[in-house]
N, C-alpha and C. Protein backbone atom coordinates (compact mmCIF):
# COMPACT_ATOMS: atom_id res chain seq x y z
N UNK A 1 -44.37 -13.75 59.09
CA UNK A 1 -43.84 -13.33 57.80
C UNK A 1 -44.99 -13.23 56.80
N UNK A 2 -45.66 -12.11 56.78
CA UNK A 2 -46.81 -12.00 55.88
C UNK A 2 -46.83 -10.65 55.17
N UNK A 3 -45.69 -10.17 54.80
CA UNK A 3 -45.61 -8.85 54.18
C UNK A 3 -45.79 -8.95 52.66
N UNK A 4 -44.71 -8.73 51.89
CA UNK A 4 -44.79 -8.71 50.43
C UNK A 4 -44.75 -10.09 49.80
N UNK A 5 -44.74 -10.08 48.48
CA UNK A 5 -44.70 -11.33 47.71
C UNK A 5 -43.27 -11.74 47.41
N UNK A 6 -43.12 -13.01 47.05
CA UNK A 6 -41.81 -13.58 46.76
C UNK A 6 -41.77 -14.00 45.29
N UNK A 7 -40.73 -13.56 44.60
CA UNK A 7 -40.46 -14.00 43.23
C UNK A 7 -39.20 -14.86 43.33
N UNK A 8 -39.34 -16.13 43.01
CA UNK A 8 -38.24 -17.08 43.17
C UNK A 8 -37.72 -17.51 41.80
N UNK A 9 -36.49 -17.12 41.49
CA UNK A 9 -35.84 -17.53 40.24
C UNK A 9 -34.83 -18.62 40.53
N UNK A 10 -34.95 -19.72 39.83
CA UNK A 10 -34.03 -20.84 40.00
C UNK A 10 -33.60 -21.36 38.64
N UNK A 11 -32.41 -21.91 38.61
CA UNK A 11 -31.89 -22.45 37.35
C UNK A 11 -30.56 -23.12 37.59
N UNK A 12 -30.18 -24.01 36.70
CA UNK A 12 -28.81 -24.51 36.75
C UNK A 12 -27.83 -23.36 36.50
N UNK A 13 -26.67 -23.45 37.09
CA UNK A 13 -25.64 -22.44 36.91
C UNK A 13 -25.33 -22.26 35.42
N UNK A 14 -25.35 -21.00 34.95
CA UNK A 14 -25.07 -20.71 33.55
C UNK A 14 -26.30 -20.57 32.68
N UNK A 15 -27.48 -20.66 33.26
CA UNK A 15 -28.73 -20.58 32.49
C UNK A 15 -29.19 -19.16 32.22
N UNK A 16 -28.57 -18.19 32.90
CA UNK A 16 -28.96 -16.79 32.71
C UNK A 16 -29.83 -16.25 33.82
N UNK A 17 -29.92 -16.97 34.91
CA UNK A 17 -30.78 -16.59 36.03
C UNK A 17 -30.38 -15.24 36.61
N UNK A 18 -29.10 -15.02 36.84
CA UNK A 18 -28.64 -13.76 37.44
C UNK A 18 -28.86 -12.60 36.48
N UNK A 19 -28.64 -12.81 35.21
CA UNK A 19 -28.90 -11.77 34.20
C UNK A 19 -30.38 -11.39 34.21
N UNK A 20 -31.25 -12.39 34.29
CA UNK A 20 -32.69 -12.13 34.32
C UNK A 20 -33.12 -11.49 35.64
N UNK A 21 -32.47 -11.85 36.73
CA UNK A 21 -32.78 -11.22 38.03
C UNK A 21 -32.42 -9.73 37.97
N UNK A 22 -31.28 -9.41 37.40
CA UNK A 22 -30.87 -8.00 37.27
C UNK A 22 -31.85 -7.24 36.40
N UNK A 23 -32.34 -7.87 35.34
CA UNK A 23 -33.34 -7.26 34.47
C UNK A 23 -34.60 -6.94 35.28
N UNK A 24 -35.07 -7.90 36.07
CA UNK A 24 -36.29 -7.68 36.87
C UNK A 24 -36.12 -6.54 37.85
N UNK A 25 -34.95 -6.43 38.46
CA UNK A 25 -34.71 -5.37 39.44
C UNK A 25 -34.75 -3.98 38.80
N UNK A 26 -34.53 -3.89 37.50
CA UNK A 26 -34.58 -2.60 36.80
C UNK A 26 -36.02 -2.20 36.45
N UNK A 27 -36.96 -3.15 36.60
CA UNK A 27 -38.36 -2.85 36.31
C UNK A 27 -38.95 -2.13 37.54
N UNK A 28 -40.04 -1.46 37.35
CA UNK A 28 -40.67 -0.73 38.45
C UNK A 28 -41.67 -1.64 39.17
N UNK A 29 -41.15 -2.71 39.79
CA UNK A 29 -41.99 -3.71 40.44
C UNK A 29 -41.90 -3.69 41.96
N UNK A 30 -41.26 -2.68 42.54
CA UNK A 30 -41.12 -2.59 44.00
C UNK A 30 -40.44 -3.86 44.55
N UNK A 31 -39.37 -4.28 43.87
CA UNK A 31 -38.65 -5.49 44.25
C UNK A 31 -37.36 -5.17 44.99
N UNK A 32 -37.10 -5.94 46.02
CA UNK A 32 -35.81 -5.90 46.69
C UNK A 32 -35.14 -7.25 46.50
N UNK A 33 -33.84 -7.24 46.37
CA UNK A 33 -33.08 -8.46 46.12
C UNK A 33 -32.69 -9.12 47.44
N UNK A 34 -33.05 -10.37 47.58
CA UNK A 34 -32.66 -11.14 48.76
C UNK A 34 -31.22 -11.61 48.58
N UNK A 35 -30.37 -11.16 49.47
CA UNK A 35 -28.97 -11.56 49.42
C UNK A 35 -28.83 -12.89 50.16
N UNK A 36 -28.41 -13.90 49.44
CA UNK A 36 -28.24 -15.23 50.03
C UNK A 36 -26.94 -15.28 50.83
N UNK A 37 -26.91 -16.19 51.78
CA UNK A 37 -25.68 -16.48 52.52
C UNK A 37 -25.05 -17.71 51.89
N UNK A 38 -23.73 -17.76 51.92
CA UNK A 38 -23.03 -18.93 51.39
C UNK A 38 -21.75 -19.17 52.19
N UNK A 39 -21.33 -20.42 52.18
CA UNK A 39 -20.07 -20.78 52.82
C UNK A 39 -18.93 -20.87 51.82
N UNK A 40 -19.21 -20.60 50.55
CA UNK A 40 -18.14 -20.66 49.54
C UNK A 40 -17.31 -19.38 49.59
N UNK A 41 -16.14 -19.46 48.99
CA UNK A 41 -15.27 -18.29 48.88
C UNK A 41 -15.84 -17.33 47.85
N UNK A 42 -15.59 -16.04 48.06
CA UNK A 42 -16.06 -15.06 47.08
C UNK A 42 -15.23 -15.15 45.81
N UNK A 43 -15.88 -14.86 44.68
CA UNK A 43 -15.19 -14.80 43.40
C UNK A 43 -14.70 -13.37 43.18
N UNK A 44 -13.82 -13.21 42.24
CA UNK A 44 -13.28 -11.88 41.93
C UNK A 44 -14.42 -10.91 41.63
N UNK A 45 -14.43 -9.77 42.31
CA UNK A 45 -15.43 -8.74 42.07
C UNK A 45 -16.68 -8.86 42.93
N UNK A 46 -16.87 -9.99 43.61
CA UNK A 46 -18.05 -10.14 44.47
C UNK A 46 -17.83 -9.40 45.79
N UNK A 47 -18.91 -8.81 46.28
CA UNK A 47 -18.83 -7.99 47.49
C UNK A 47 -19.72 -8.59 48.57
N UNK A 48 -19.13 -8.77 49.77
CA UNK A 48 -19.89 -9.29 50.90
C UNK A 48 -20.98 -8.30 51.28
N UNK A 49 -22.20 -8.81 51.45
CA UNK A 49 -23.32 -7.95 51.80
C UNK A 49 -24.01 -7.34 50.59
N UNK A 50 -23.46 -7.56 49.40
CA UNK A 50 -24.11 -7.08 48.16
C UNK A 50 -24.44 -8.27 47.27
N UNK A 51 -23.45 -9.10 46.99
CA UNK A 51 -23.65 -10.28 46.15
C UNK A 51 -24.11 -11.48 46.99
N UNK A 52 -23.47 -11.67 48.10
CA UNK A 52 -23.78 -12.72 49.07
C UNK A 52 -23.33 -12.24 50.44
N UNK A 53 -23.81 -12.93 51.47
CA UNK A 53 -23.20 -12.83 52.79
C UNK A 53 -22.25 -14.01 52.85
N UNK A 54 -20.96 -13.73 52.78
CA UNK A 54 -19.96 -14.79 52.79
C UNK A 54 -19.64 -15.17 54.24
N UNK A 55 -19.94 -16.41 54.58
CA UNK A 55 -19.74 -16.90 55.93
C UNK A 55 -18.75 -18.06 55.92
N UNK A 56 -18.02 -18.20 57.01
CA UNK A 56 -17.18 -19.39 57.13
C UNK A 56 -18.12 -20.57 57.32
N UNK A 57 -17.64 -21.76 57.05
CA UNK A 57 -18.45 -22.97 57.22
C UNK A 57 -18.92 -23.07 58.67
N UNK A 58 -18.04 -22.72 59.61
CA UNK A 58 -18.39 -22.77 61.03
C UNK A 58 -19.52 -21.79 61.34
N UNK A 59 -19.42 -20.55 60.84
CA UNK A 59 -20.47 -19.56 61.08
C UNK A 59 -21.79 -19.99 60.44
N UNK A 60 -21.72 -20.54 59.23
CA UNK A 60 -22.93 -21.00 58.56
C UNK A 60 -23.62 -22.08 59.40
N UNK A 61 -22.85 -23.04 59.87
CA UNK A 61 -23.42 -24.14 60.66
C UNK A 61 -23.98 -23.63 61.99
N UNK A 62 -23.34 -22.61 62.58
CA UNK A 62 -23.87 -22.02 63.81
C UNK A 62 -25.23 -21.37 63.56
N UNK A 63 -25.36 -20.69 62.41
CA UNK A 63 -26.63 -20.06 62.07
C UNK A 63 -27.72 -21.11 61.82
N UNK A 64 -27.33 -22.25 61.26
CA UNK A 64 -28.28 -23.37 61.10
C UNK A 64 -28.75 -23.82 62.48
N UNK A 65 -27.80 -24.03 63.36
CA UNK A 65 -28.12 -24.51 64.71
C UNK A 65 -29.02 -23.52 65.45
N UNK A 66 -28.82 -22.23 65.21
CA UNK A 66 -29.61 -21.18 65.87
C UNK A 66 -30.91 -20.87 65.13
N UNK A 67 -31.22 -21.67 64.09
CA UNK A 67 -32.45 -21.52 63.30
C UNK A 67 -32.60 -20.13 62.69
N UNK A 68 -31.48 -19.57 62.20
CA UNK A 68 -31.49 -18.24 61.59
C UNK A 68 -31.83 -18.28 60.10
N UNK A 69 -31.92 -19.49 59.53
CA UNK A 69 -32.24 -19.64 58.11
C UNK A 69 -33.70 -20.01 57.92
N UNK A 70 -34.33 -19.40 56.92
CA UNK A 70 -35.65 -19.82 56.49
C UNK A 70 -35.51 -21.13 55.72
N UNK A 71 -34.47 -21.19 54.90
CA UNK A 71 -34.13 -22.41 54.16
C UNK A 71 -32.64 -22.39 53.89
N UNK A 72 -32.05 -23.58 53.73
CA UNK A 72 -30.64 -23.70 53.36
C UNK A 72 -30.42 -25.06 52.74
N UNK A 73 -29.35 -25.16 51.98
CA UNK A 73 -29.00 -26.43 51.33
C UNK A 73 -27.48 -26.55 51.23
N UNK A 74 -27.00 -27.77 51.31
CA UNK A 74 -25.61 -28.05 50.97
C UNK A 74 -25.62 -28.36 49.48
N UNK A 75 -25.33 -27.35 48.67
CA UNK A 75 -25.47 -27.46 47.22
C UNK A 75 -24.34 -28.29 46.62
N UNK A 76 -23.14 -28.06 47.10
CA UNK A 76 -21.98 -28.86 46.73
C UNK A 76 -21.33 -29.32 48.03
N UNK A 77 -20.51 -30.33 47.98
CA UNK A 77 -19.90 -30.88 49.18
C UNK A 77 -19.20 -29.78 49.99
N UNK A 78 -19.72 -29.52 51.19
CA UNK A 78 -19.13 -28.51 52.08
C UNK A 78 -19.46 -27.08 51.73
N UNK A 79 -20.28 -26.87 50.69
CA UNK A 79 -20.64 -25.51 50.28
C UNK A 79 -22.15 -25.34 50.44
N UNK A 80 -22.50 -24.48 51.37
CA UNK A 80 -23.90 -24.22 51.70
C UNK A 80 -24.36 -22.89 51.13
N UNK A 81 -25.65 -22.83 50.83
CA UNK A 81 -26.33 -21.60 50.45
C UNK A 81 -27.62 -21.55 51.26
N UNK A 82 -28.06 -20.35 51.62
CA UNK A 82 -29.30 -20.27 52.37
C UNK A 82 -29.87 -18.87 52.41
N UNK A 83 -31.12 -18.79 52.86
CA UNK A 83 -31.84 -17.53 53.01
C UNK A 83 -32.01 -17.24 54.49
N UNK A 84 -31.40 -16.16 54.94
CA UNK A 84 -31.52 -15.77 56.34
C UNK A 84 -32.89 -15.14 56.60
N UNK A 85 -33.50 -15.50 57.70
CA UNK A 85 -34.78 -14.90 58.09
C UNK A 85 -34.65 -13.38 58.19
N UNK A 86 -33.53 -12.92 58.68
CA UNK A 86 -33.30 -11.49 58.84
C UNK A 86 -33.32 -10.75 57.51
N UNK A 87 -32.97 -11.44 56.42
CA UNK A 87 -32.97 -10.82 55.09
C UNK A 87 -34.39 -10.53 54.64
N UNK A 88 -35.31 -11.46 54.86
CA UNK A 88 -36.71 -11.21 54.52
C UNK A 88 -37.26 -10.06 55.35
N UNK A 89 -36.98 -10.09 56.64
CA UNK A 89 -37.46 -9.02 57.52
C UNK A 89 -36.90 -7.66 57.10
N UNK A 90 -35.64 -7.63 56.68
CA UNK A 90 -35.01 -6.37 56.24
C UNK A 90 -35.76 -5.80 55.03
N UNK A 91 -36.03 -6.65 54.05
CA UNK A 91 -36.68 -6.19 52.82
C UNK A 91 -38.15 -5.86 53.04
N UNK A 92 -38.84 -6.67 53.82
CA UNK A 92 -40.25 -6.39 54.10
C UNK A 92 -40.41 -5.12 54.92
N UNK A 93 -39.45 -4.82 55.80
CA UNK A 93 -39.53 -3.58 56.59
C UNK A 93 -39.42 -2.35 55.69
N UNK A 94 -38.86 -2.55 54.49
CA UNK A 94 -38.75 -1.46 53.51
C UNK A 94 -39.98 -1.42 52.59
N UNK A 95 -40.94 -2.32 52.82
CA UNK A 95 -42.17 -2.36 52.02
C UNK A 95 -41.99 -2.97 50.64
N UNK A 96 -41.02 -3.86 50.49
CA UNK A 96 -40.69 -4.43 49.18
C UNK A 96 -41.19 -5.85 49.01
N UNK A 97 -41.48 -6.22 47.77
CA UNK A 97 -41.61 -7.62 47.38
C UNK A 97 -40.17 -8.13 47.26
N UNK A 98 -39.99 -9.43 47.35
CA UNK A 98 -38.62 -9.95 47.40
C UNK A 98 -38.33 -10.84 46.19
N UNK A 99 -37.18 -10.57 45.57
CA UNK A 99 -36.69 -11.37 44.45
C UNK A 99 -35.56 -12.26 44.95
N UNK A 100 -35.69 -13.56 44.67
CA UNK A 100 -34.68 -14.54 45.03
C UNK A 100 -34.01 -15.08 43.78
N UNK A 101 -32.70 -15.16 43.81
CA UNK A 101 -31.89 -15.79 42.77
C UNK A 101 -31.17 -16.92 43.51
N UNK A 102 -31.82 -18.09 43.58
CA UNK A 102 -31.29 -19.15 44.43
C UNK A 102 -31.27 -20.50 43.73
N UNK A 103 -30.64 -21.47 44.41
CA UNK A 103 -30.53 -22.81 43.83
C UNK A 103 -31.91 -23.48 43.78
N UNK A 104 -32.00 -24.50 42.99
CA UNK A 104 -33.27 -25.16 42.70
C UNK A 104 -33.93 -25.72 43.96
N UNK A 105 -33.19 -26.44 44.77
CA UNK A 105 -33.79 -27.03 45.97
C UNK A 105 -34.23 -25.94 46.94
N UNK A 106 -33.44 -24.87 47.07
CA UNK A 106 -33.82 -23.75 47.92
C UNK A 106 -35.11 -23.11 47.44
N UNK A 107 -35.26 -22.99 46.13
CA UNK A 107 -36.48 -22.42 45.55
C UNK A 107 -37.70 -23.27 45.84
N UNK A 108 -37.55 -24.57 45.72
CA UNK A 108 -38.65 -25.49 46.01
C UNK A 108 -39.02 -25.38 47.49
N UNK A 109 -38.01 -25.32 48.35
CA UNK A 109 -38.26 -25.19 49.79
C UNK A 109 -39.01 -23.90 50.12
N UNK A 110 -38.57 -22.78 49.53
CA UNK A 110 -39.24 -21.49 49.78
C UNK A 110 -40.70 -21.54 49.32
N UNK A 111 -40.93 -22.09 48.14
CA UNK A 111 -42.28 -22.21 47.61
C UNK A 111 -43.16 -23.03 48.56
N UNK A 112 -42.60 -24.09 49.12
CA UNK A 112 -43.36 -24.93 50.05
C UNK A 112 -43.65 -24.22 51.37
N UNK A 113 -42.74 -23.34 51.81
CA UNK A 113 -42.92 -22.61 53.07
C UNK A 113 -43.98 -21.53 52.93
N UNK A 114 -43.95 -20.78 51.81
CA UNK A 114 -44.89 -19.68 51.59
C UNK A 114 -45.54 -19.82 50.21
N UNK A 115 -46.36 -20.86 50.00
CA UNK A 115 -46.87 -21.16 48.66
C UNK A 115 -47.75 -20.08 48.03
N UNK A 116 -48.63 -19.46 48.78
CA UNK A 116 -49.55 -18.48 48.19
C UNK A 116 -48.88 -17.14 47.91
N UNK A 117 -47.81 -16.86 48.61
CA UNK A 117 -47.12 -15.58 48.45
C UNK A 117 -45.98 -15.66 47.43
N UNK A 118 -45.78 -16.84 46.85
CA UNK A 118 -44.61 -17.08 46.00
C UNK A 118 -44.96 -17.41 44.55
N UNK A 119 -44.17 -16.87 43.65
CA UNK A 119 -44.18 -17.28 42.24
C UNK A 119 -42.81 -17.88 41.99
N UNK A 120 -42.78 -19.17 41.69
CA UNK A 120 -41.51 -19.84 41.44
C UNK A 120 -41.32 -20.03 39.93
N UNK A 121 -40.15 -19.60 39.47
CA UNK A 121 -39.85 -19.62 38.04
C UNK A 121 -38.53 -20.36 37.81
N UNK A 122 -38.58 -21.34 36.92
CA UNK A 122 -37.39 -22.11 36.57
C UNK A 122 -36.88 -21.59 35.23
N UNK A 123 -35.62 -21.14 35.21
CA UNK A 123 -34.98 -20.68 33.98
C UNK A 123 -34.20 -21.86 33.42
N UNK A 124 -34.59 -22.30 32.25
CA UNK A 124 -33.99 -23.50 31.66
C UNK A 124 -33.09 -23.14 30.50
N UNK A 125 -31.90 -23.74 30.44
CA UNK A 125 -31.04 -23.51 29.27
C UNK A 125 -31.62 -24.26 28.06
N UNK A 126 -31.31 -23.79 26.83
CA UNK A 126 -31.82 -24.48 25.65
C UNK A 126 -31.33 -25.93 25.55
N UNK A 127 -30.10 -26.18 26.05
CA UNK A 127 -29.54 -27.53 26.03
C UNK A 127 -28.35 -27.59 26.99
N UNK A 128 -27.94 -28.80 27.32
CA UNK A 128 -26.75 -28.98 28.17
C UNK A 128 -25.50 -28.51 27.42
N UNK A 129 -25.47 -28.74 26.11
CA UNK A 129 -24.32 -28.32 25.30
C UNK A 129 -24.14 -26.79 25.36
N UNK A 130 -25.23 -26.06 25.23
CA UNK A 130 -25.16 -24.59 25.30
C UNK A 130 -24.80 -24.15 26.72
N UNK A 131 -25.34 -24.84 27.69
CA UNK A 131 -25.02 -24.52 29.08
C UNK A 131 -23.52 -24.65 29.33
N UNK A 132 -22.92 -25.72 28.84
CA UNK A 132 -21.49 -25.95 29.01
C UNK A 132 -20.68 -24.83 28.34
N UNK A 133 -21.11 -24.40 27.15
CA UNK A 133 -20.44 -23.29 26.46
C UNK A 133 -20.49 -22.01 27.29
N UNK A 134 -21.67 -21.74 27.86
CA UNK A 134 -21.84 -20.53 28.69
C UNK A 134 -20.93 -20.56 29.91
N UNK A 135 -20.85 -21.71 30.55
CA UNK A 135 -19.99 -21.84 31.73
C UNK A 135 -18.52 -21.64 31.38
N UNK A 136 -18.10 -22.20 30.25
CA UNK A 136 -16.71 -22.03 29.81
C UNK A 136 -16.42 -20.57 29.46
N UNK A 137 -17.40 -19.92 28.83
CA UNK A 137 -17.24 -18.52 28.42
C UNK A 137 -17.04 -17.58 29.62
N UNK A 138 -17.64 -17.92 30.76
CA UNK A 138 -17.48 -17.12 31.98
C UNK A 138 -16.02 -16.99 32.39
N UNK A 139 -15.29 -18.07 32.16
CA UNK A 139 -13.87 -18.13 32.51
C UNK A 139 -13.64 -17.93 34.01
N UNK A 140 -14.56 -18.45 34.84
CA UNK A 140 -14.43 -18.33 36.30
C UNK A 140 -14.26 -19.69 36.97
N UNK A 141 -14.42 -20.76 36.21
CA UNK A 141 -14.43 -22.10 36.80
C UNK A 141 -13.37 -22.99 36.14
N UNK A 142 -12.84 -23.91 36.94
CA UNK A 142 -11.92 -24.92 36.40
C UNK A 142 -12.74 -25.95 35.63
N UNK A 143 -12.07 -26.76 34.81
CA UNK A 143 -12.75 -27.82 34.07
C UNK A 143 -13.47 -28.77 35.03
N UNK A 144 -12.84 -29.04 36.17
CA UNK A 144 -13.44 -29.93 37.17
C UNK A 144 -14.75 -29.31 37.69
N UNK A 145 -14.71 -28.01 38.01
CA UNK A 145 -15.92 -27.36 38.51
C UNK A 145 -17.01 -27.27 37.45
N UNK A 146 -16.61 -27.07 36.20
CA UNK A 146 -17.60 -27.05 35.12
C UNK A 146 -18.27 -28.41 35.02
N UNK A 147 -17.49 -29.47 35.11
CA UNK A 147 -18.06 -30.82 35.07
C UNK A 147 -19.02 -31.05 36.23
N UNK A 148 -18.66 -30.57 37.42
CA UNK A 148 -19.55 -30.68 38.58
C UNK A 148 -20.85 -29.92 38.35
N UNK A 149 -20.74 -28.71 37.79
CA UNK A 149 -21.92 -27.88 37.54
C UNK A 149 -22.82 -28.51 36.48
N UNK A 150 -22.24 -29.13 35.45
CA UNK A 150 -23.03 -29.79 34.41
C UNK A 150 -23.76 -31.00 35.00
N UNK A 151 -23.06 -31.75 35.82
CA UNK A 151 -23.69 -32.90 36.48
C UNK A 151 -24.85 -32.45 37.36
N UNK A 152 -24.63 -31.37 38.13
CA UNK A 152 -25.67 -30.81 38.99
C UNK A 152 -26.84 -30.29 38.14
N UNK A 153 -26.52 -29.65 37.00
CA UNK A 153 -27.55 -29.10 36.11
C UNK A 153 -28.49 -30.20 35.61
N UNK A 154 -27.92 -31.33 35.24
CA UNK A 154 -28.75 -32.45 34.75
C UNK A 154 -29.75 -32.88 35.82
N UNK A 155 -29.29 -32.92 37.07
CA UNK A 155 -30.18 -33.27 38.18
C UNK A 155 -31.24 -32.18 38.38
N UNK A 156 -30.82 -30.91 38.37
CA UNK A 156 -31.73 -29.80 38.60
C UNK A 156 -32.82 -29.71 37.54
N UNK A 157 -32.49 -30.01 36.31
CA UNK A 157 -33.47 -29.97 35.22
C UNK A 157 -34.65 -30.91 35.49
N UNK A 158 -34.40 -31.98 36.21
CA UNK A 158 -35.48 -32.93 36.51
C UNK A 158 -36.51 -32.37 37.49
N UNK A 159 -36.21 -31.24 38.13
CA UNK A 159 -37.13 -30.61 39.08
C UNK A 159 -37.96 -29.48 38.47
N UNK A 160 -37.77 -29.20 37.21
CA UNK A 160 -38.44 -28.04 36.59
C UNK A 160 -39.97 -28.11 36.71
N UNK A 161 -40.52 -29.33 36.75
CA UNK A 161 -41.98 -29.47 36.85
C UNK A 161 -42.54 -29.08 38.23
N UNK A 162 -41.68 -28.80 39.18
CA UNK A 162 -42.12 -28.38 40.52
C UNK A 162 -42.29 -26.86 40.62
N UNK A 163 -42.07 -26.15 39.52
CA UNK A 163 -42.14 -24.69 39.50
C UNK A 163 -43.43 -24.22 38.84
N UNK A 164 -43.85 -23.01 39.20
CA UNK A 164 -45.07 -22.44 38.63
C UNK A 164 -44.92 -22.16 37.13
N UNK A 165 -43.70 -21.81 36.72
CA UNK A 165 -43.45 -21.42 35.34
C UNK A 165 -42.04 -21.85 34.93
N UNK A 166 -41.89 -22.33 33.71
CA UNK A 166 -40.58 -22.65 33.14
C UNK A 166 -40.37 -21.73 31.94
N UNK A 167 -39.24 -21.03 31.93
CA UNK A 167 -38.88 -20.17 30.81
C UNK A 167 -37.57 -20.70 30.23
N UNK A 168 -37.60 -21.06 28.96
CA UNK A 168 -36.38 -21.52 28.28
C UNK A 168 -35.64 -20.28 27.79
N UNK A 169 -34.42 -20.11 28.29
CA UNK A 169 -33.63 -18.94 27.96
C UNK A 169 -32.75 -19.21 26.74
N UNK A 170 -33.41 -19.25 25.59
CA UNK A 170 -32.69 -19.40 24.32
C UNK A 170 -32.41 -18.03 23.75
N UNK A 171 -33.42 -17.16 23.77
CA UNK A 171 -33.31 -15.78 23.30
C UNK A 171 -33.57 -14.88 24.51
N UNK A 172 -32.56 -14.11 24.92
CA UNK A 172 -32.65 -13.32 26.14
C UNK A 172 -33.82 -12.34 26.13
N UNK A 173 -34.04 -11.65 25.01
CA UNK A 173 -35.14 -10.67 24.96
C UNK A 173 -36.50 -11.34 25.12
N UNK A 174 -36.65 -12.49 24.54
CA UNK A 174 -37.91 -13.23 24.67
C UNK A 174 -38.09 -13.72 26.12
N UNK A 175 -37.01 -14.21 26.72
CA UNK A 175 -37.08 -14.66 28.12
C UNK A 175 -37.42 -13.49 29.03
N UNK A 176 -36.83 -12.32 28.78
CA UNK A 176 -37.12 -11.13 29.58
C UNK A 176 -38.59 -10.75 29.48
N UNK A 177 -39.13 -10.80 28.27
CA UNK A 177 -40.53 -10.44 28.05
C UNK A 177 -41.47 -11.38 28.82
N UNK A 178 -41.22 -12.69 28.71
CA UNK A 178 -42.05 -13.67 29.41
C UNK A 178 -41.96 -13.49 30.92
N UNK A 179 -40.75 -13.26 31.39
CA UNK A 179 -40.52 -13.08 32.82
C UNK A 179 -41.22 -11.82 33.34
N UNK A 180 -41.06 -10.73 32.62
CA UNK A 180 -41.68 -9.46 33.02
C UNK A 180 -43.20 -9.60 33.10
N UNK A 181 -43.80 -10.19 32.10
CA UNK A 181 -45.27 -10.37 32.08
C UNK A 181 -45.75 -11.24 33.24
N UNK A 182 -45.04 -12.33 33.50
CA UNK A 182 -45.44 -13.24 34.57
C UNK A 182 -45.33 -12.58 35.94
N UNK A 183 -44.24 -11.87 36.17
CA UNK A 183 -44.03 -11.22 37.47
C UNK A 183 -45.02 -10.09 37.68
N UNK A 184 -45.23 -9.29 36.65
CA UNK A 184 -46.18 -8.18 36.77
C UNK A 184 -47.58 -8.71 37.09
N UNK A 185 -48.00 -9.74 36.41
CA UNK A 185 -49.31 -10.34 36.64
C UNK A 185 -49.42 -10.87 38.07
N UNK A 186 -48.38 -11.51 38.57
CA UNK A 186 -48.39 -12.07 39.92
C UNK A 186 -48.42 -10.98 40.99
N UNK A 187 -47.63 -9.95 40.80
CA UNK A 187 -47.57 -8.86 41.79
C UNK A 187 -48.91 -8.14 41.89
N UNK A 188 -49.58 -7.98 40.75
CA UNK A 188 -50.88 -7.28 40.74
C UNK A 188 -52.00 -8.12 41.35
N UNK A 189 -51.83 -9.45 41.33
CA UNK A 189 -52.85 -10.37 41.84
C UNK A 189 -52.95 -10.26 43.36
N UNK A 190 -54.17 -10.19 43.86
CA UNK A 190 -54.34 -10.18 45.31
C UNK A 190 -54.40 -11.61 45.82
N UNK A 191 -53.92 -11.77 47.01
CA UNK A 191 -53.85 -13.13 47.60
C UNK A 191 -55.16 -13.45 48.29
């Protein structure tokens, strides 16, 4: 696996990571989006093979056993997320650099696997209070799930120092500018 570069975006749920990933994909950076696999149920409007590869828990565990994942994590009890090796090969065969929108531990794992080819970026919310407001505004989660996500976010924030760059997403345009400059600089850099 020595083709293009990896741009790894990680953040607590509700920090704006997916919005920033979509912004990056609109730039002319020769980026392909790595579709993660998950064992969770799809949300309204999500499409298998576009947003995620939705797998049953049994299928996910079989792929783990068959070493089909570059990295994976049990992010919530019984809910796994991971990066399939075949996904990297698919994107690299197209001559693309790869953009990841993944959980914090998965991002750290990817960075450790391919450190010189990776730029890891942690998107940080301005505060837990604002993060909670954003999650409620989505209107996709129960109060119980929001509480779980806030608890997980507090833990994830403690890992921000393991990333190459931390961007506080208080003002979206400013976060986009910082992200664009960092990614462009990294892509242009020779390894």
